[in-house]
Amino acid sequence: MRGEHIGELEELVLLTVGALDREAYAVLIMEEIKNNSSRNMDVTAIHSVLRRLEKKGFVASEMGGATAERGGRRKRFFTLTRSGRKVLDETMDLRMNLYAKLPKLTFSTLS
């Protein structure tokens, strides 16, 4: 894989942003990760990863409108960029290629 590399948490957040499409904001990303992986995270960690991914050009963000349910505060929505999709595709290819090289397991090789 050439170009940018992403860590496991960045990959998880980036995949979630892509899966949520145009509805991705930090709290929903955190909830989606928890629902799909039982991994508890706080929203500060999600914001930190999103800032890092935006700096790398893998996500873009824009502010949504203020809502009464949030006390007039606005949400920042994130979308996957072309570079973000590319790095996800490269990461998935790498994982699948390595996984395909795993030897077949038999009961005699399992511990």
C-alpha atoms as a PDB file:
ATOM      1  CA  MET A   1       0.000   0.000   0.000  1.00  0.00           C
ATOM      2  CA  ARG A   2       1.384   3.360  -0.966  1.00  0.00           C
ATOM      3  CA  GLY A   3       0.471   6.772   0.256  1.00  0.00           C
ATOM      4  CA  GLU A   4      -1.205   7.515   3.526  1.00  0.00           C
ATOM      5  CA  HIS A   5      -1.651   4.941   6.209  1.00  0.00           C
ATOM      6  CA  ILE A   6      -4.369   4.925   8.790  1.00  0.00           C
ATOM      7  CA  GLY A   7      -4.530   3.340  12.212  1.00  0.00           C
ATOM      8  CA  GLU A   8      -7.191   0.898  13.348  1.00  0.00           C
ATOM      9  CA  LEU A   9      -9.280   3.550  15.114  1.00  0.00           C
ATOM     10  CA  GLU A  10      -9.005   5.909  12.138  1.00  0.00           C
ATOM     11  CA  GLU A  11     -10.144   3.085   9.872  1.00  0.00           C
ATOM     12  CA  LEU A  12     -13.122   2.343  12.112  1.00  0.00           C
ATOM     13  CA  VAL A  13     -14.195   5.994  12.237  1.00  0.00           C
ATOM     14  CA  LEU A  14     -13.626   6.454   8.501  1.00  0.00           C
ATOM     15  CA  LEU A  15     -15.697   3.359   7.695  1.00  0.00           C
ATOM     16  CA  THR A  16     -18.465   4.627   9.941  1.00  0.00           C
ATOM     17  CA  VAL A  17     -18.448   8.066   8.303  1.00  0.00           C
ATOM     18  CA  GLY A  18     -18.793   6.357   4.930  1.00  0.00           C
ATOM     19  CA  ALA A  19     -21.550   4.048   6.144  1.00  0.00           C
ATOM     20  CA  LEU A  20     -23.559   6.929   7.621  1.00  0.00           C
ATOM     21  CA  ASP A  21     -23.150   8.893   4.391  1.00  0.00           C
ATOM     22  CA  ARG A  22     -24.305  12.497   4.871  1.00  0.00           C
ATOM     23  CA  GLU A  23     -25.733  11.909   8.359  1.00  0.00           C
ATOM     24  CA  ALA A  24     -22.356  11.393  10.072  1.00  0.00           C
ATOM     25  CA  TYR A  25     -21.671  13.554  13.124  1.00  0.00           C
ATOM     26  CA  ALA A  26     -19.538  12.740  16.160  1.00  0.00           C
ATOM     27  CA  VAL A  27     -22.215  11.465  18.550  1.00  0.00           C
ATOM     28  CA  LEU A  28     -23.883   9.294  15.892  1.00  0.00           C
ATOM     29  CA  ILE A  29     -20.490   7.933  14.801  1.00  0.00           C
ATOM     30  CA  MET A  30     -19.722   7.036  18.430  1.00  0.00           C
ATOM     31  CA  GLU A  31     -23.106   5.282  18.829  1.00  0.00           C
ATOM     32  CA  GLU A  32     -22.738   3.415  15.534  1.00  0.00           C
ATOM     33  CA  ILE A  33     -19.287   2.145  16.533  1.00  0.00           C
ATOM     34  CA  LYS A  34     -20.639   1.026  19.915  1.00  0.00           C
ATOM     35  CA  ASN A  35     -23.631  -0.734  18.320  1.00  0.00           C
ATOM     36  CA  ASN A  36     -21.487  -2.543  15.768  1.00  0.00           C
ATOM     37  CA  SER A  37     -18.407  -3.363  17.808  1.00  0.00           C
ATOM     38  CA  SER A  38     -19.441  -3.086  21.485  1.00  0.00           C
ATOM     39  CA  ARG A  39     -16.505  -0.705  21.770  1.00  0.00           C
ATOM     40  CA  ASN A  40     -17.110   2.100  24.218  1.00  0.00           C
ATOM     41  CA  MET A  41     -15.568   5.393  23.249  1.00  0.00           C
ATOM     42  CA  ASP A  42     -16.123   8.938  24.341  1.00  0.00           C
ATOM     43  CA  VAL A  43     -17.064  11.688  21.957  1.00  0.00           C
ATOM     44  CA  THR A  44     -13.791  13.536  22.608  1.00  0.00           C
ATOM     45  CA  ALA A  45     -11.851  10.639  21.102  1.00  0.00           C
ATOM     46  CA  ILE A  46     -14.151  10.648  18.058  1.00  0.00           C
ATOM     47  CA  HIS A  47     -13.655  14.390  17.590  1.00  0.00           C
ATOM     48  CA  SER A  48      -9.892  13.940  17.818  1.00  0.00           C
ATOM     49  CA  VAL A  49      -9.903  11.231  15.138  1.00  0.00           C
ATOM     50  CA  LEU A  50     -12.230  13.260  12.902  1.00  0.00           C
ATOM     51  CA  ARG A  51      -9.925  16.308  13.114  1.00  0.00           C
ATOM     52  CA  ARG A  52      -6.948  14.110  12.202  1.00  0.00           C
ATOM     53  CA  LEU A  53      -8.824  12.526   9.277  1.00  0.00           C
ATOM     54  CA  GLU A  54      -9.932  15.944   8.022  1.00  0.00           C
ATOM     55  CA  LYS A  55      -6.366  17.240   8.221  1.00  0.00           C
ATOM     56  CA  LYS A  56      -5.265  14.249   6.115  1.00  0.00           C
ATOM     57  CA  GLY A  57      -8.015  15.029   3.590  1.00  0.00           C
ATOM     58  CA  PHE A  58      -9.944  11.784   4.165  1.00  0.00           C
ATOM     59  CA  VAL A  59     -13.127  13.473   5.386  1.00  0.00           C
ATOM     60  CA  ALA A  60     -14.702  16.865   4.781  1.00  0.00           C
ATOM     61  CA  SER A  61     -17.048  18.646   7.146  1.00  0.00           C
ATOM     62  CA  GLU A  62     -19.685  21.305   7.166  1.00  0.00           C
ATOM     63  CA  MET A  63     -21.901  22.803   9.832  1.00  0.00           C
ATOM     64  CA  GLY A  64     -25.577  21.886   9.866  1.00  0.00           C
ATOM     65  CA  GLY A  65     -28.388  24.131  11.018  1.00  0.00           C
ATOM     66  CA  ALA A  66     -29.152  24.882  14.649  1.00  0.00           C
ATOM     67  CA  THR A  67     -31.820  22.710  16.227  1.00  0.00           C
ATOM     68  CA  ALA A  68     -34.025  23.233  19.272  1.00  0.00           C
ATOM     69  CA  GLU A  69     -33.283  19.699  20.523  1.00  0.00           C
ATOM     70  CA  ARG A  70     -29.616  20.709  20.852  1.00  0.00           C
ATOM     71  CA  GLY A  71     -30.400  24.009  22.524  1.00  0.00           C
ATOM     72  CA  GLY A  72     -29.746  25.956  19.348  1.00  0.00           C
ATOM     73  CA  ARG A  73     -26.310  24.413  18.788  1.00  0.00           C
ATOM     74  CA  ARG A  74     -25.281  23.207  15.373  1.00  0.00           C
ATOM     75  CA  LYS A  75     -23.876  19.812  14.398  1.00  0.00           C
ATOM     76  CA  ARG A  76     -20.768  19.334  12.273  1.00  0.00           C
ATOM     77  CA  PHE A  77     -21.453  16.720   9.599  1.00  0.00           C
ATOM     78  CA  PHE A  78     -18.674  14.677   8.029  1.00  0.00           C
ATOM     79  CA  THR A  79     -18.482  13.021   4.625  1.00  0.00           C
ATOM     80  CA  LEU A  80     -15.978  10.668   3.117  1.00  0.00           C
ATOM     81  CA  THR A  81     -13.734  12.262   0.466  1.00  0.00           C
ATOM     82  CA  ARG A  82     -12.378  10.559  -2.631  1.00  0.00           C
ATOM     83  CA  SER A  83      -9.004  10.220  -0.848  1.00  0.00           C
ATOM     84  CA  GLY A  84     -10.777   8.732   2.153  1.00  0.00           C
ATOM     85  CA  ARG A  85     -12.518   6.148   0.000  1.00  0.00           C
ATOM     86  CA  LYS A  86      -9.242   5.332  -1.711  1.00  0.00           C
ATOM     87  CA  VAL A  87      -7.371   4.728   1.543  1.00  0.00           C
ATOM     88  CA  LEU A  88     -10.240   2.526   2.781  1.00  0.00           C
ATOM     89  CA  ASP A  89     -10.150   0.506  -0.449  1.00  0.00           C
ATOM     90  CA  GLU A  90      -6.361   0.097  -0.172  1.00  0.00           C
ATOM     91  CA  THR A  91      -6.616  -0.924   3.479  1.00  0.00           C
ATOM     92  CA  MET A  92      -9.329  -3.489   2.700  1.00  0.00           C
ATOM     93  CA  ASP A  93      -7.279  -4.894  -0.226  1.00  0.00           C
ATOM     94  CA  LEU A  94      -4.256  -5.274   2.037  1.00  0.00           C
ATOM     95  CA  ARG A  95      -6.287  -7.045   4.715  1.00  0.00           C
ATOM     96  CA  MET A  96      -8.015  -9.367   2.252  1.00  0.00           C
ATOM     97  CA  ASN A  97      -4.731 -10.247   0.521  1.00  0.00           C
ATOM     98  CA  LEU A  98      -3.094 -11.118   3.831  1.00  0.00           C
ATOM     99  CA  TYR A  99      -6.181 -13.006   5.025  1.00  0.00           C
ATOM    100  CA  ALA A 100      -6.204 -15.063   1.826  1.00  0.00           C
ATOM    101  CA  LYS A 101      -2.654 -16.199   2.629  1.00  0.00           C
ATOM    102  CA  LEU A 102      -3.613 -17.685   5.984  1.00  0.00           C
ATOM    103  CA  PRO A 103      -3.123 -21.444   5.981  1.00  0.00           C
ATOM    104  CA  LYS A 104      -6.225 -23.558   6.322  1.00  0.00           C
ATOM    105  CA  LEU A 105      -6.680 -24.600   9.912  1.00  0.00           C
ATOM    106  CA  THR A 106      -7.312 -28.143  10.971  1.00  0.00           C
ATOM    107  CA  PHE A 107      -8.025 -29.496  14.424  1.00  0.00           C
ATOM    108  CA  SER A 108      -4.388 -30.588  14.694  1.00  0.00           C
ATOM    109  CA  THR A 109      -3.130 -27.008  14.238  1.00  0.00           C
ATOM    110  CA  LEU A 110      -5.564 -25.372  16.647  1.00  0.00           C
ATOM    111  CA  SER A 111      -4.395 -24.886  20.187  1.00  0.00           C
END
